[in-house]
Structures are given as C-alpha cells and as structure tokens.
C-alpha atoms as a PDB file:
ATOM      1  CA  MET A   1      56.684-111.529-111.310  1.00  0.00           C
ATOM      2  CA  LEU A   2      59.753-111.961-113.515  1.00  0.00           C
ATOM      3  CA  ILE A   3      57.590-113.281-116.363  1.00  0.00           C
ATOM      4  CA  ARG A   4      55.356-110.185-116.188  1.00  0.00           C
ATOM      5  CA  PHE A   5      58.420-107.943-116.250  1.00  0.00           C
ATOM      6  CA  ILE A   6      59.873-109.738-119.298  1.00  0.00           C
ATOM      7  CA  ALA A   7      56.462-109.663-121.040  1.00  0.00           C
ATOM      8  CA  LEU A   8      56.237-105.915-120.369  1.00  0.00           C
ATOM      9  CA  ILE A   9      59.691-105.351-121.884  1.00  0.00           C
ATOM     10  CA  VAL A  10      58.864-107.449-124.957  1.00  0.00           C
ATOM     11  CA  LEU A  11      55.543-105.660-125.389  1.00  0.00           C
ATOM     12  CA  SER A  12      57.129-102.221-125.036  1.00  0.00           C
ATOM     13  CA  LEU A  13      59.853-103.119-127.551  1.00  0.00           C
ATOM     14  CA  GLY A  14      57.191-104.284-129.974  1.00  0.00           C
ATOM     15  CA  LEU A  15      55.213-101.078-129.525  1.00  0.00           C
ATOM     16  CA  ASN A  16      58.306 -98.911-129.937  1.00  0.00           C
ATOM     17  CA  THR A  17      59.140-100.470-133.296  1.00  0.00           C
ATOM     18  CA  ALA A  18      55.641 -99.762-134.635  1.00  0.00           C
ATOM     19  CA  PHE A  19      56.743 -96.221-135.471  1.00  0.00           C
ATOM     20  CA  ALA A  20      59.828 -95.380-137.456  1.00  0.00           C
ATOM     21  CA  TYR A  21      60.281 -91.743-136.411  1.00  0.00           C
ATOM     22  CA  LYS A  22      63.734 -90.873-135.147  1.00  0.00           C
ATOM     23  CA  ILE A  23      64.535 -87.799-133.078  1.00  0.00           C
ATOM     24  CA  THR A  24      68.019 -86.671-134.061  1.00  0.00           C
ATOM     25  CA  GLU A  25      68.518 -83.525-131.999  1.00  0.00           C
ATOM     26  CA  VAL A  26      66.782 -81.730-129.115  1.00  0.00           C
ATOM     27  CA  GLN A  27      68.075 -78.552-127.526  1.00  0.00           C
ATOM     28  CA  VAL A  28      66.659 -76.094-124.969  1.00  0.00           C
ATOM     29  CA  VAL A  29      68.590 -72.898-124.267  1.00  0.00           C
ATOM     30  CA  ARG A  30      67.639 -70.006-122.001  1.00  0.00           C
ATOM     31  CA  TYR A  31      68.590 -66.389-122.784  1.00  0.00           C
ATOM     32  CA  GLY A  32      67.304 -64.146-119.999  1.00  0.00           C
ATOM     33  CA  GLU A  33      63.522 -64.609-120.126  1.00  0.00           C
ATOM     34  CA  ARG A  34      63.614 -66.175-123.618  1.00  0.00           C
ATOM     35  CA  TYR A  35      63.746 -69.888-124.313  1.00  0.00           C
ATOM     36  CA  ILE A  36      64.979 -71.306-127.613  1.00  0.00           C
ATOM     37  CA  ILE A  37      63.854 -74.848-128.397  1.00  0.00           C
ATOM     38  CA  THR A  38      65.125 -76.769-131.411  1.00  0.00           C
ATOM     39  CA  PHE A  39      64.659 -80.333-132.503  1.00  0.00           C
ATOM     40  CA  SER A  40      65.041 -82.417-135.626  1.00  0.00           C
ATOM     41  CA  ALA A  41      63.230 -85.630-136.399  1.00  0.00           C
ATOM     42  CA  HIS A  42      62.924 -88.007-139.309  1.00  0.00           C
ATOM     43  CA  LEU A  43      59.460 -89.436-139.934  1.00  0.00           C
ATOM     44  CA  ASP A  44      58.767 -92.459-142.089  1.00  0.00           C
ATOM     45  CA  ALA A  45      55.912 -90.761-143.969  1.00  0.00           C
ATOM     46  CA  PRO A  46      55.463 -88.740-147.181  1.00  0.00           C
ATOM     47  CA  VAL A  47      56.350 -85.061-146.800  1.00  0.00           C
ATOM     48  CA  ASN A  48      53.071 -83.776-148.324  1.00  0.00           C
ATOM     49  CA  ASN A  49      51.017 -85.852-145.886  1.00  0.00           C
ATOM     50  CA  VAL A  50      53.148 -84.722-142.922  1.00  0.00           C
ATOM     51  CA  GLN A  51      52.555 -81.095-143.942  1.00  0.00           C
ATOM     52  CA  LYS A  52      48.791 -81.658-144.094  1.00  0.00           C
ATOM     53  CA  VAL A  53      48.715 -83.310-140.665  1.00  0.00           C
ATOM     54  CA  ILE A  54      50.755 -80.539-139.025  1.00  0.00           C
ATOM     55  CA  TYR A  55      48.646 -77.807-140.633  1.00  0.00           C
ATOM     56  CA  ASP A  56      45.365 -79.432-139.539  1.00  0.00           C
ATOM     57  CA  PHE A  57      45.005 -77.341-136.382  1.00  0.00           C
ATOM     58  CA  GLU A  58      41.331 -78.269-136.006  1.00  0.00           C
ATOM     59  CA  ASN A  59      42.587 -81.692-134.895  1.00  0.00           C
ATOM     60  CA  GLY A  60      45.613 -80.425-132.956  1.00  0.00           C
ATOM     61  CA  ALA A  61      44.316 -81.821-129.679  1.00  0.00           C
ATOM     62  CA  LYS A  62      44.447 -85.311-131.207  1.00  0.00           C
ATOM     63  CA  LEU A  63      48.174 -85.015-132.002  1.00  0.00           C
ATOM     64  CA  SER A  64      49.528 -84.338-128.528  1.00  0.00           C
ATOM     65  CA  PRO A  65      48.323 -85.342-125.088  1.00  0.00           C
ATOM     66  CA  ALA A  66      49.501 -81.903-123.844  1.00  0.00           C
ATOM     67  CA  VAL A  67      47.033 -80.025-126.084  1.00  0.00           C
ATOM     68  CA  LEU A  68      43.571 -79.761-124.548  1.00  0.00           C
ATOM     69  CA  SER A  69      41.850 -77.851-127.346  1.00  0.00           C
ATOM     70  CA  THR A  70      42.335 -75.687-130.405  1.00  0.00           C
ATOM     71  CA  GLU A  71      40.130 -73.014-131.922  1.00  0.00           C
ATOM     72  CA  VAL A  72      40.849 -72.112-135.526  1.00  0.00           C
ATOM     73  CA  TYR A  73      39.798 -69.242-137.719  1.00  0.00           C
ATOM     74  CA  ARG A  74      41.069 -69.671-141.270  1.00  0.00           C
ATOM     75  CA  PHE A  75      41.729 -66.531-143.245  1.00  0.00           C
ATOM     76  CA  ASP A  76      42.483 -68.538-146.405  1.00  0.00           C
ATOM     77  CA  ASP A  77      44.173 -71.812-147.407  1.00  0.00           C
ATOM     78  CA  ASP A  78      47.590 -70.597-146.255  1.00  0.00           C
ATOM     79  CA  THR A  79      46.841 -68.446-143.175  1.00  0.00           C
ATOM     80  CA  ALA A  80      44.986 -69.112-139.949  1.00  0.00           C
ATOM     81  CA  ARG A  81      44.577 -67.728-136.455  1.00  0.00           C
ATOM     82  CA  VAL A  82      44.893 -70.498-133.876  1.00  0.00           C
ATOM     83  CA  ARG A  83      44.158 -70.441-130.158  1.00  0.00           C
ATOM     84  CA  ALA A  84      45.579 -73.497-128.433  1.00  0.00           C
ATOM     85  CA  THR A  85      45.025 -74.453-124.799  1.00  0.00           C
ATOM     86  CA  MET A  86      47.735 -76.744-123.454  1.00  0.00           C
ATOM     87  CA  ARG A  87      48.385 -78.413-120.111  1.00  0.00           C
ATOM     88  CA  PRO A  88      51.824 -79.996-120.029  1.00  0.00           C
ATOM     89  CA  CYS A  89      52.875 -81.751-116.832  1.00  0.00           C
ATOM     90  CA  VAL A  90      56.243 -82.938-115.608  1.00  0.00           C
ATOM     91  CA  GLY A  91      56.048 -84.848-112.369  1.00  0.00           C
ATOM     92  CA  ILE A  92      53.710 -82.886-110.127  1.00  0.00           C
ATOM     93  CA  PHE A  93      54.303 -79.581-111.902  1.00  0.00           C
ATOM     94  CA  CYS A  94      51.551 -78.778-114.420  1.00  0.00           C
ATOM     95  CA  ARG A  95      50.786 -75.518-116.166  1.00  0.00           C
ATOM     96  CA  THR A  96      47.727 -74.597-118.229  1.00  0.00           C
ATOM     97  CA  MET A  97      48.792 -72.269-121.029  1.00  0.00           C
ATOM     98  CA  VAL A  98      47.013 -70.488-123.854  1.00  0.00           C
ATOM     99  CA  LYS A  99      48.818 -69.670-127.084  1.00  0.00           C
ATOM    100  CA  LEU A 100      47.328 -67.345-129.699  1.00  0.00           C
ATOM    101  CA  SER A 101      49.169 -67.471-133.035  1.00  0.00           C
ATOM    102  CA  ILE A 102      48.896 -66.279-136.601  1.00  0.00           C
ATOM    103  CA  VAL A 103      49.977 -69.255-138.690  1.00  0.00           C
ATOM    104  CA  ASN A 104      51.270 -69.095-142.262  1.00  0.00           C
ATOM    105  CA  LEU A 105      51.813 -72.104-144.482  1.00  0.00           C
ATOM    106  CA  GLU A 106      54.854 -71.195-146.573  1.00  0.00           C
ATOM    107  CA  ASP A 107      57.100 -73.111-148.962  1.00  0.00           C
ATOM    108  CA  ASN A 108      58.308 -76.163-147.013  1.00  0.00           C
ATOM    109  CA  GLN A 109      57.530 -74.638-143.638  1.00  0.00           C
ATOM    110  CA  ILE A 110      54.872 -73.507-141.227  1.00  0.00           C
ATOM    111  CA  HIS A 111      55.564 -70.184-139.530  1.00  0.00           C
ATOM    112  CA  MET A 112      53.670 -69.356-136.334  1.00  0.00           C
ATOM    113  CA  ARG A 113      53.880 -65.848-134.896  1.00  0.00           C
ATOM    114  CA  GLY A 114      52.353 -65.355-131.490  1.00  0.00           C
ATOM    115  CA  VAL A 115      50.086 -62.406-130.892  1.00  0.00           C
ATOM    116  CA  GLN A 116      52.229 -60.302-128.576  1.00  0.00           C
ATOM    117  CA  ASP A 117      51.121 -60.228-124.926  1.00  0.00           C
ATOM    118  CA  ALA A 118      48.151 -62.505-125.677  1.00  0.00           C
ATOM    119  CA  GLY A 119      47.516 -65.702-123.804  1.00  0.00           C
ATOM    120  CA  SER A 120      50.318 -67.091-121.639  1.00  0.00           C
ATOM    121  CA  PHE A 121      53.245 -65.719-123.645  1.00  0.00           C
ATOM    122  CA  ARG A 122      54.725 -62.246-124.027  1.00  0.00           C
ATOM    123  CA  ASN A 123      56.282 -63.272-127.300  1.00  0.00           C
ATOM    124  CA  ILE A 124      56.448 -66.479-129.307  1.00  0.00           C
ATOM    125  CA  GLU A 125      57.666 -67.416-132.764  1.00  0.00           C
ATOM    126  CA  GLU A 126      57.843 -70.959-134.099  1.00  0.00           C
ATOM    127  CA  VAL A 127      58.965 -72.422-137.413  1.00  0.00           C
ATOM    128  CA  ILE A 128      58.500 -76.019-138.535  1.00  0.00           C
ATOM    129  CA  ARG A 129      60.490 -76.872-141.658  1.00  0.00           C
ATOM    130  CA  TYR A 130      60.059 -80.136-143.495  1.00  0.00           C
ATOM    131  CA  SER A 131      61.699 -81.727-146.507  1.00  0.00           C
ATOM    132  CA  ALA A 132      61.739 -85.072-148.271  1.00  0.00           C
ATOM    133  CA  GLU A 133      64.634 -87.202-147.072  1.00  0.00           C
ATOM    134  CA  ASN A 134      65.388 -90.929-147.278  1.00  0.00           C
ATOM    135  CA  GLN A 135      61.880 -91.853-148.458  1.00  0.00           C
ATOM    136  CA  GLY A 136      60.381 -89.964-145.544  1.00  0.00           C
ATOM    137  CA  THR A 137      60.256 -86.492-144.035  1.00  0.00           C
ATOM    138  CA  MET A 138      62.927 -84.540-142.188  1.00  0.00           C
ATOM    139  CA  MET A 139      61.215 -82.140-139.805  1.00  0.00           C
ATOM    140  CA  LYS A 140      63.071 -79.318-138.044  1.00  0.00           C
ATOM    141  CA  TYR A 141      61.483 -77.180-135.342  1.00  0.00           C
ATOM    142  CA  LYS A 142      62.664 -73.922-133.813  1.00  0.00           C
ATOM    143  CA  GLY A 143      60.679 -72.107-131.151  1.00  0.00           C
ATOM    144  CA  ASP A 144      61.638 -68.812-129.551  1.00  0.00           C
ATOM    145  CA  PHE A 145      59.357 -67.744-126.719  1.00  0.00           C
ATOM    146  CA  SER A 146      59.085 -65.645-123.585  1.00  0.00           C
ATOM    147  CA  PRO A 147      56.522 -66.857-121.053  1.00  0.00           C
ATOM    148  CA  GLY A 148      54.089 -64.301-119.669  1.00  0.00           C
ATOM    149  CA  PHE A 149      54.054 -66.106-116.329  1.00  0.00           C
ATOM    150  CA  TYR A 150      56.657 -66.586-113.634  1.00  0.00           C
ATOM    151  CA  LEU A 151      58.928 -69.526-114.354  1.00  0.00           C
ATOM    152  CA  PRO A 152      61.758 -69.813-111.807  1.00  0.00           C
ATOM    153  CA  GLN A 153      65.194 -69.827-113.422  1.00  0.00           C
ATOM    154  CA  TRP A 154      66.134 -73.127-111.756  1.00  0.00           C
ATOM    155  CA  LEU A 155      62.985 -74.794-113.123  1.00  0.00           C
ATOM    156  CA  GLY A 156      62.574 -73.290-116.627  1.00  0.00           C
ATOM    157  CA  VAL A 157      64.958 -75.343-118.765  1.00  0.00           C
ATOM    158  CA  ARG A 158      64.272 -78.499-116.706  1.00  0.00           C
ATOM    159  CA  PHE A 159      60.516 -78.132-117.141  1.00  0.00           C
ATOM    160  CA  ILE A 160      60.750 -77.517-120.894  1.00  0.00           C
ATOM    161  CA  ARG A 161      63.162 -80.433-121.434  1.00  0.00           C
ATOM    162  CA  GLY A 162      60.863 -82.629-119.343  1.00  0.00           C
ATOM    163  CA  VAL A 163      57.839 -81.597-121.419  1.00  0.00           C
ATOM    164  CA  ILE A 164      59.724 -82.359-124.638  1.00  0.00           C
ATOM    165  CA  ARG A 165      60.839 -85.752-123.356  1.00  0.00           C
ATOM    166  CA  LYS A 166      57.344 -86.603-122.186  1.00  0.00           C
ATOM    167  CA  TYR A 167      55.278 -85.466-125.186  1.00  0.00           C
ATOM    168  CA  LEU A 168      57.478 -85.241-128.302  1.00  0.00           C
ATOM    169  CA  GLY A 169      57.658 -88.975-129.028  1.00  0.00           C
ATOM    170  CA  ALA A 170      53.898 -89.457-128.739  1.00  0.00           C
ATOM    171  CA  THR A 171      53.241 -86.404-130.913  1.00  0.00           C
ATOM    172  CA  LEU A 172      55.665 -87.499-133.648  1.00  0.00           C
ATOM    173  CA  ALA A 173      54.234 -91.031-133.587  1.00  0.00           C
ATOM    174  CA  GLU A 174      50.720 -89.636-134.060  1.00  0.00           C
ATOM    175  CA  ILE A 175      51.844 -87.341-136.909  1.00  0.00           C
ATOM    176  CA  GLU A 176      53.575 -90.258-138.612  1.00  0.00           C
ATOM    177  CA  ASN A 177      50.560 -92.530-138.108  1.00  0.00           C
ATOM    178  CA  LYS A 178      48.081 -90.006-139.539  1.00  0.00           C
ATOM    179  CA  ALA A 179      50.407 -89.108-142.438  1.00  0.00           C
ATOM    180  CA  ASN A 180      50.800 -92.782-143.387  1.00  0.00           C
ATOM    181  CA  ALA A 181      47.029 -93.261-143.157  1.00  0.00           C
ATOM    182  CA  GLY A 182      46.679 -90.653-145.900  1.00  0.00           C
ATOM    183  CA  VAL A 183      45.557 -87.863-143.542  1.00  0.00           C
END
C-alpha cells in the first residue's frame, strides 16, 4: 500500500513537471450580481502560437474539460460569433451554461463581448491579453459577468473559485502543449 502511494506521488510529480505554465494570480470578486474574475499565467510557449490556440474556437472543447461544444461563425479573420456550451462541476454541483459572444482579435488581446440576455448570462465581457515575456507568453485574463440564472450569494464566489481551481490548470497545460506543437 505504501509503495503504491509513493509511486502515485512520484508519478504525479513527474506529470506536473511536464508543463511549465505558472499561474501567478487568481482573483474572484462579487459586486452585487456581477462577478469579476482575473488571473495571470506564464506559459512556456511562443506568444504567436498561444494566440492562435486561444483564437481557435472551433477546437475550444478540446482545450478545457468544462467546455462541451463550440459553434463558430467567422465574420472575417479577426471577428467571430461563438456559442459555447459548458458544464463545469464542483463537487456535486454542476451547471450547464451557454455563452454567446462576439469575439474580436485585437492587438495583443482577444476581446469577447457577450450578446446581452442571450444564453445563460445577462451580461458578459472577457479580455485575454498576452505578451512575450521570459522566452514565453504572459497571459492575463479579466472576465466581468452577470449570470442569468439564480446563483445563491453564499455559493457564487465559492463555485467560481472551485471551477477555476478545477479546470484552469488543465486548460493552460493544453494551450501550452498545442502552442509548443506548432498549433
């Protein structure tokens, strides 16, 4: 039994060092019915490749285990309409959500504006900024959203923090992996 436990620890340490991403800051703040989420992460991958992976919404479901599907209508190379269906779970609490966004690829950032009162959110705006840093990519995320469903005050911040803890590492590892594979 002890040998299995030690082998599991060694294996998990080996798997954790396979990716070089580093999350430097995560914050969830509630203002009335609005939630502000911010995080920063450093990925060991070229910034241009990271941008391409993030903007590839057709394969969004492959980046995060919380994303079930994405439907994309591209207006041009820099603008798209994206419908994402997500099902994040924390413990026994799961919620299927639909997010409809107009996405713009801008200089060093991706700006996603939710279609107001569409899907599971009354309002949503997200910005992902990225820049070259230390032979890799510094990625900064800020999301400002108001859910269109009832989320008890005592559960809201806990649920969102739990979702971030559960899915962010796997998502960043997949972005880094795809970016280093040349997209």
